[in-house]
């Protein structure tokens, strides 16, 4: 049983004359825990952008770049990355705004609203990162399968429907793996945030504030 559970249990045992003090203590602790969770979400989202950029800078593959140019995907990849990073930057901005709002306000109504907003934004963030996989993969596979070099390497009699089906299965597997990764990474934080939300609502003081 963590500090929040102990405080809540103690709050329920107290007399009515002391409930307000205990509720204030409970609310402050929930604010502190919620602020810490949203801060970690903000930090992790930054790392998700910074780490891949650093890896690409120090592990640049000339062969991959040449292959992209050969397929005529250079412009598409550049535009794709620009749009993706702009959208990811927007998500990071929203995480930061929620963190600052939770840290700066002690009002329970505002805290509940920010918890709800944060949960929604994280879900949209996860689905966006998953959705870009089939978009990018479909374009790359289409270009590759229609290139002269690729067709020359395919053995005669190969069923292209099977090739496309295997490619689709590969995309689904990658999406599922990424979804599981995000469930472990952000799911734990969201569960803790949701617990704080329920604690505030179940105290009775905030039942009508949604």
Protein backbone atom coordinates (compact mmCIF):
# COMPACT_ATOMS: atom_id res chain seq x y z
CA UNK A 1 0.00 0.00 0.00
CA UNK A 2 1.56 3.32 -1.11
CA UNK A 3 1.45 6.70 0.60
CA UNK A 4 -1.68 7.76 -1.30
CA UNK A 5 -3.62 4.66 -0.21
CA UNK A 6 -2.57 5.12 3.41
CA UNK A 7 -3.58 8.76 3.37
CA UNK A 8 -6.96 7.95 1.86
CA UNK A 9 -7.58 5.19 4.42
CA UNK A 10 -6.66 7.54 7.25
CA UNK A 11 -8.91 10.24 5.80
CA UNK A 12 -11.94 7.92 5.86
CA UNK A 13 -11.35 7.07 9.52
CA UNK A 14 -11.26 10.66 10.72
CA UNK A 15 -14.11 12.64 12.25
CA UNK A 16 -16.08 15.16 10.16
CA UNK A 17 -14.32 18.08 11.80
CA UNK A 18 -10.99 16.89 10.44
CA UNK A 19 -12.11 15.70 6.99
CA UNK A 20 -11.39 19.01 5.26
CA UNK A 21 -7.77 19.03 6.40
CA UNK A 22 -7.30 15.42 5.35
CA UNK A 23 -8.93 16.05 1.98
CA UNK A 24 -6.57 18.96 1.38
CA UNK A 25 -3.60 16.72 2.15
CA UNK A 26 -4.97 14.03 -0.15
CA UNK A 27 -5.55 16.54 -2.95
CA UNK A 28 -2.02 17.96 -2.65
CA UNK A 29 -0.50 14.49 -2.83
CA UNK A 30 -2.58 13.60 -5.89
CA UNK A 31 -1.48 16.84 -7.56
CA UNK A 32 2.16 16.02 -6.86
CA UNK A 33 1.86 12.46 -8.19
CA UNK A 34 -0.09 13.57 -11.28
CA UNK A 35 2.42 16.30 -12.06
CA UNK A 36 5.26 13.78 -11.86
CA UNK A 37 3.47 11.36 -14.20
CA UNK A 38 2.73 14.00 -16.85
CA UNK A 39 6.33 15.22 -16.56
CA UNK A 40 7.59 11.71 -17.37
CA UNK A 41 5.22 11.48 -20.34
CA UNK A 42 6.66 14.78 -21.58
CA UNK A 43 10.26 13.60 -21.15
CA UNK A 44 9.65 10.23 -22.82
CA UNK A 45 7.98 11.86 -25.84
CA UNK A 46 11.03 14.10 -26.28
CA UNK A 47 13.36 11.10 -26.12
CA UNK A 48 11.29 9.36 -28.79
CA UNK A 49 12.17 12.15 -31.19
CA UNK A 50 15.72 12.96 -30.10
CA UNK A 51 17.07 9.40 -29.91
CA UNK A 52 16.13 8.38 -33.50
CA UNK A 53 17.62 11.62 -34.84
CA UNK A 54 20.89 11.00 -33.01
CA UNK A 55 20.97 7.39 -34.24
CA UNK A 56 20.41 8.50 -37.84
CA UNK A 57 23.14 11.14 -37.59
CA UNK A 58 25.76 8.70 -36.34
CA UNK A 59 24.69 5.61 -38.29
CA UNK A 60 23.94 7.10 -41.67
CA UNK A 61 23.75 4.34 -44.28
CA UNK A 62 24.86 5.39 -47.78
CA UNK A 63 23.36 2.23 -49.23
CA UNK A 64 19.94 3.05 -47.83
CA UNK A 65 20.15 6.63 -49.07
CA UNK A 66 21.12 5.46 -52.54
CA UNK A 67 18.25 2.98 -52.57
CA UNK A 68 15.81 5.73 -51.60
CA UNK A 69 17.12 7.92 -54.41
CA UNK A 70 16.94 5.04 -56.89
CA UNK A 71 13.29 4.46 -56.05
CA UNK A 72 12.56 8.17 -56.41
CA UNK A 73 11.47 8.50 -52.80
CA UNK A 74 13.82 11.27 -51.67
CA UNK A 75 11.25 14.06 -51.84
CA UNK A 76 8.53 11.91 -50.32
CA UNK A 77 10.74 10.85 -47.40
CA UNK A 78 11.82 14.43 -46.72
CA UNK A 79 8.24 15.75 -46.74
CA UNK A 80 7.08 12.77 -44.69
CA UNK A 81 9.69 13.41 -42.00
CA UNK A 82 8.95 17.15 -41.88
CA UNK A 83 5.20 16.61 -41.45
CA UNK A 84 5.76 13.83 -38.91
CA UNK A 85 8.10 15.88 -36.74
CA UNK A 86 5.80 18.90 -36.87
CA UNK A 87 2.90 16.78 -35.59
CA UNK A 88 5.07 15.11 -32.95
CA UNK A 89 6.28 18.54 -31.89
CA UNK A 90 2.67 19.58 -31.41
CA UNK A 91 2.04 16.57 -29.17
CA UNK A 92 5.11 17.40 -27.09
CA UNK A 93 3.87 20.98 -26.76
CA UNK A 94 0.49 19.71 -25.49
CA UNK A 95 2.20 17.41 -22.97
CA UNK A 96 4.27 20.35 -21.74
CA UNK A 97 1.21 22.59 -21.44
CA UNK A 98 -0.64 19.96 -19.42
CA UNK A 99 2.36 19.47 -17.15
CA UNK A 100 2.67 23.21 -16.49
CA UNK A 101 -1.07 23.51 -15.91
CA UNK A 102 -1.12 20.65 -13.39
CA UNK A 103 1.97 22.01 -11.64
CA UNK A 104 0.67 25.56 -11.43
CA UNK A 105 -2.91 24.90 -10.32
CA UNK A 106 -4.13 23.41 -7.07
CA UNK A 107 -7.82 23.37 -8.03
CA UNK A 108 -9.27 19.86 -8.14
CA UNK A 109 -11.57 20.68 -11.05
CA UNK A 110 -8.62 21.79 -13.19
CA UNK A 111 -6.62 18.73 -12.17
CA UNK A 112 -9.42 16.37 -13.24
CA UNK A 113 -9.80 18.19 -16.55
CA UNK A 114 -6.07 17.99 -17.22
CA UNK A 115 -5.94 14.30 -16.38
CA UNK A 116 -8.71 13.65 -18.90
CA UNK A 117 -6.95 15.80 -21.52
CA UNK A 118 -3.62 14.06 -20.94
CA UNK A 119 -5.14 10.60 -21.32
CA UNK A 120 -6.77 11.59 -24.61
CA UNK A 121 -3.62 13.22 -25.98
CA UNK A 122 -1.48 10.19 -25.11
CA UNK A 123 -3.93 7.89 -26.90
CA UNK A 124 -3.91 10.12 -30.00
CA UNK A 125 -0.12 10.26 -29.82
CA UNK A 126 0.14 6.47 -29.73
CA UNK A 127 -2.28 5.94 -32.60
CA UNK A 128 -0.51 8.54 -34.72
CA UNK A 129 2.85 6.81 -34.26
CA UNK A 130 1.27 3.49 -35.18
CA UNK A 131 -0.62 4.92 -38.17
CA UNK A 132 2.50 6.29 -39.86
CA UNK A 133 3.88 2.74 -40.23
CA UNK A 134 1.38 1.52 -42.87
CA UNK A 135 1.53 4.88 -44.68
CA UNK A 136 5.31 4.85 -45.05
CA UNK A 137 5.56 1.10 -45.63
CA UNK A 138 2.85 1.06 -48.31
CA UNK A 139 4.56 3.75 -50.36
CA UNK A 140 8.01 2.14 -50.03
CA UNK A 141 6.74 -1.35 -50.88
CA UNK A 142 4.72 -0.07 -53.83
CA UNK A 143 7.71 1.75 -55.27
CA UNK A 144 10.00 -1.21 -54.65
CA UNK A 145 7.67 -3.80 -56.17
CA UNK A 146 7.20 -1.68 -59.28
CA UNK A 147 10.88 -0.99 -59.83
CA UNK A 148 12.69 -2.72 -62.69
CA UNK A 149 15.50 -4.06 -60.46
CA UNK A 150 13.06 -5.70 -58.07
CA UNK A 151 11.05 -7.35 -60.84
CA UNK A 152 14.23 -8.73 -62.38
CA UNK A 153 15.19 -10.36 -59.06
CA UNK A 154 11.85 -12.13 -58.61
CA UNK A 155 11.88 -15.74 -59.85
CA UNK A 156 9.60 -16.50 -62.77
CA UNK A 157 6.18 -17.73 -61.73
CA UNK A 158 6.19 -15.90 -58.39
CA UNK A 159 2.67 -15.05 -57.26
CA UNK A 160 2.71 -11.31 -56.54
CA UNK A 161 -0.48 -11.60 -54.51
CA UNK A 162 1.41 -13.75 -52.01
CA UNK A 163 4.28 -11.25 -51.97
CA UNK A 164 1.88 -8.41 -51.20
CA UNK A 165 0.11 -10.52 -48.58
CA UNK A 166 3.40 -11.29 -46.81
CA UNK A 167 4.28 -7.59 -46.89
CA UNK A 168 0.90 -6.78 -45.33
CA UNK A 169 1.45 -9.36 -42.59
CA UNK A 170 4.87 -7.86 -41.87
CA UNK A 171 3.34 -4.38 -41.52
CA UNK A 172 0.65 -5.70 -39.16
CA UNK A 173 3.29 -7.46 -37.03
CA UNK A 174 5.36 -4.27 -36.74
CA UNK A 175 2.25 -2.25 -35.82
CA UNK A 176 1.23 -4.81 -33.19
CA UNK A 177 4.75 -4.85 -31.72
CA UNK A 178 4.78 -1.05 -31.52
CA UNK A 179 1.32 -1.03 -29.91
CA UNK A 180 2.50 -3.50 -27.25
CA UNK A 181 5.59 -1.39 -26.65
CA UNK A 182 3.49 1.72 -26.11
CA UNK A 183 1.11 -0.17 -23.84
CA UNK A 184 4.05 -1.07 -21.62
CA UNK A 185 5.69 2.34 -21.85
CA UNK A 186 2.72 4.69 -21.56
CA UNK A 187 0.14 2.21 -20.28
CA UNK A 188 1.75 2.07 -16.84
CA UNK A 189 1.82 5.86 -16.58
CA UNK A 190 -1.77 6.18 -17.78
CA UNK A 191 -2.96 3.61 -15.24
CA UNK A 192 -1.35 5.60 -12.45
CA UNK A 193 -2.86 8.80 -13.80
CA UNK A 194 -6.27 7.14 -14.04
CA UNK A 195 -5.91 5.96 -10.43
CA UNK A 196 -5.33 9.56 -9.34
CA UNK A 197 -8.40 10.61 -11.31
CA UNK A 198 -10.55 8.01 -9.54
CA UNK A 199 -9.14 9.00 -6.15
CA UNK A 200 -10.23 12.60 -6.69
CA UNK A 201 -13.70 11.63 -7.88
CA UNK A 202 -14.26 9.02 -5.17
CA UNK A 203 -13.54 11.49 -2.38
CA UNK A 204 -17.00 12.90 -3.06
CA UNK A 205 -15.86 16.51 -3.25
CA UNK A 206 -15.38 16.39 -6.99
CA UNK A 207 -18.26 14.19 -8.11
CA UNK A 208 -20.11 17.04 -9.75
CA UNK A 209 -17.11 18.82 -11.19
CA UNK A 210 -16.92 16.86 -14.44
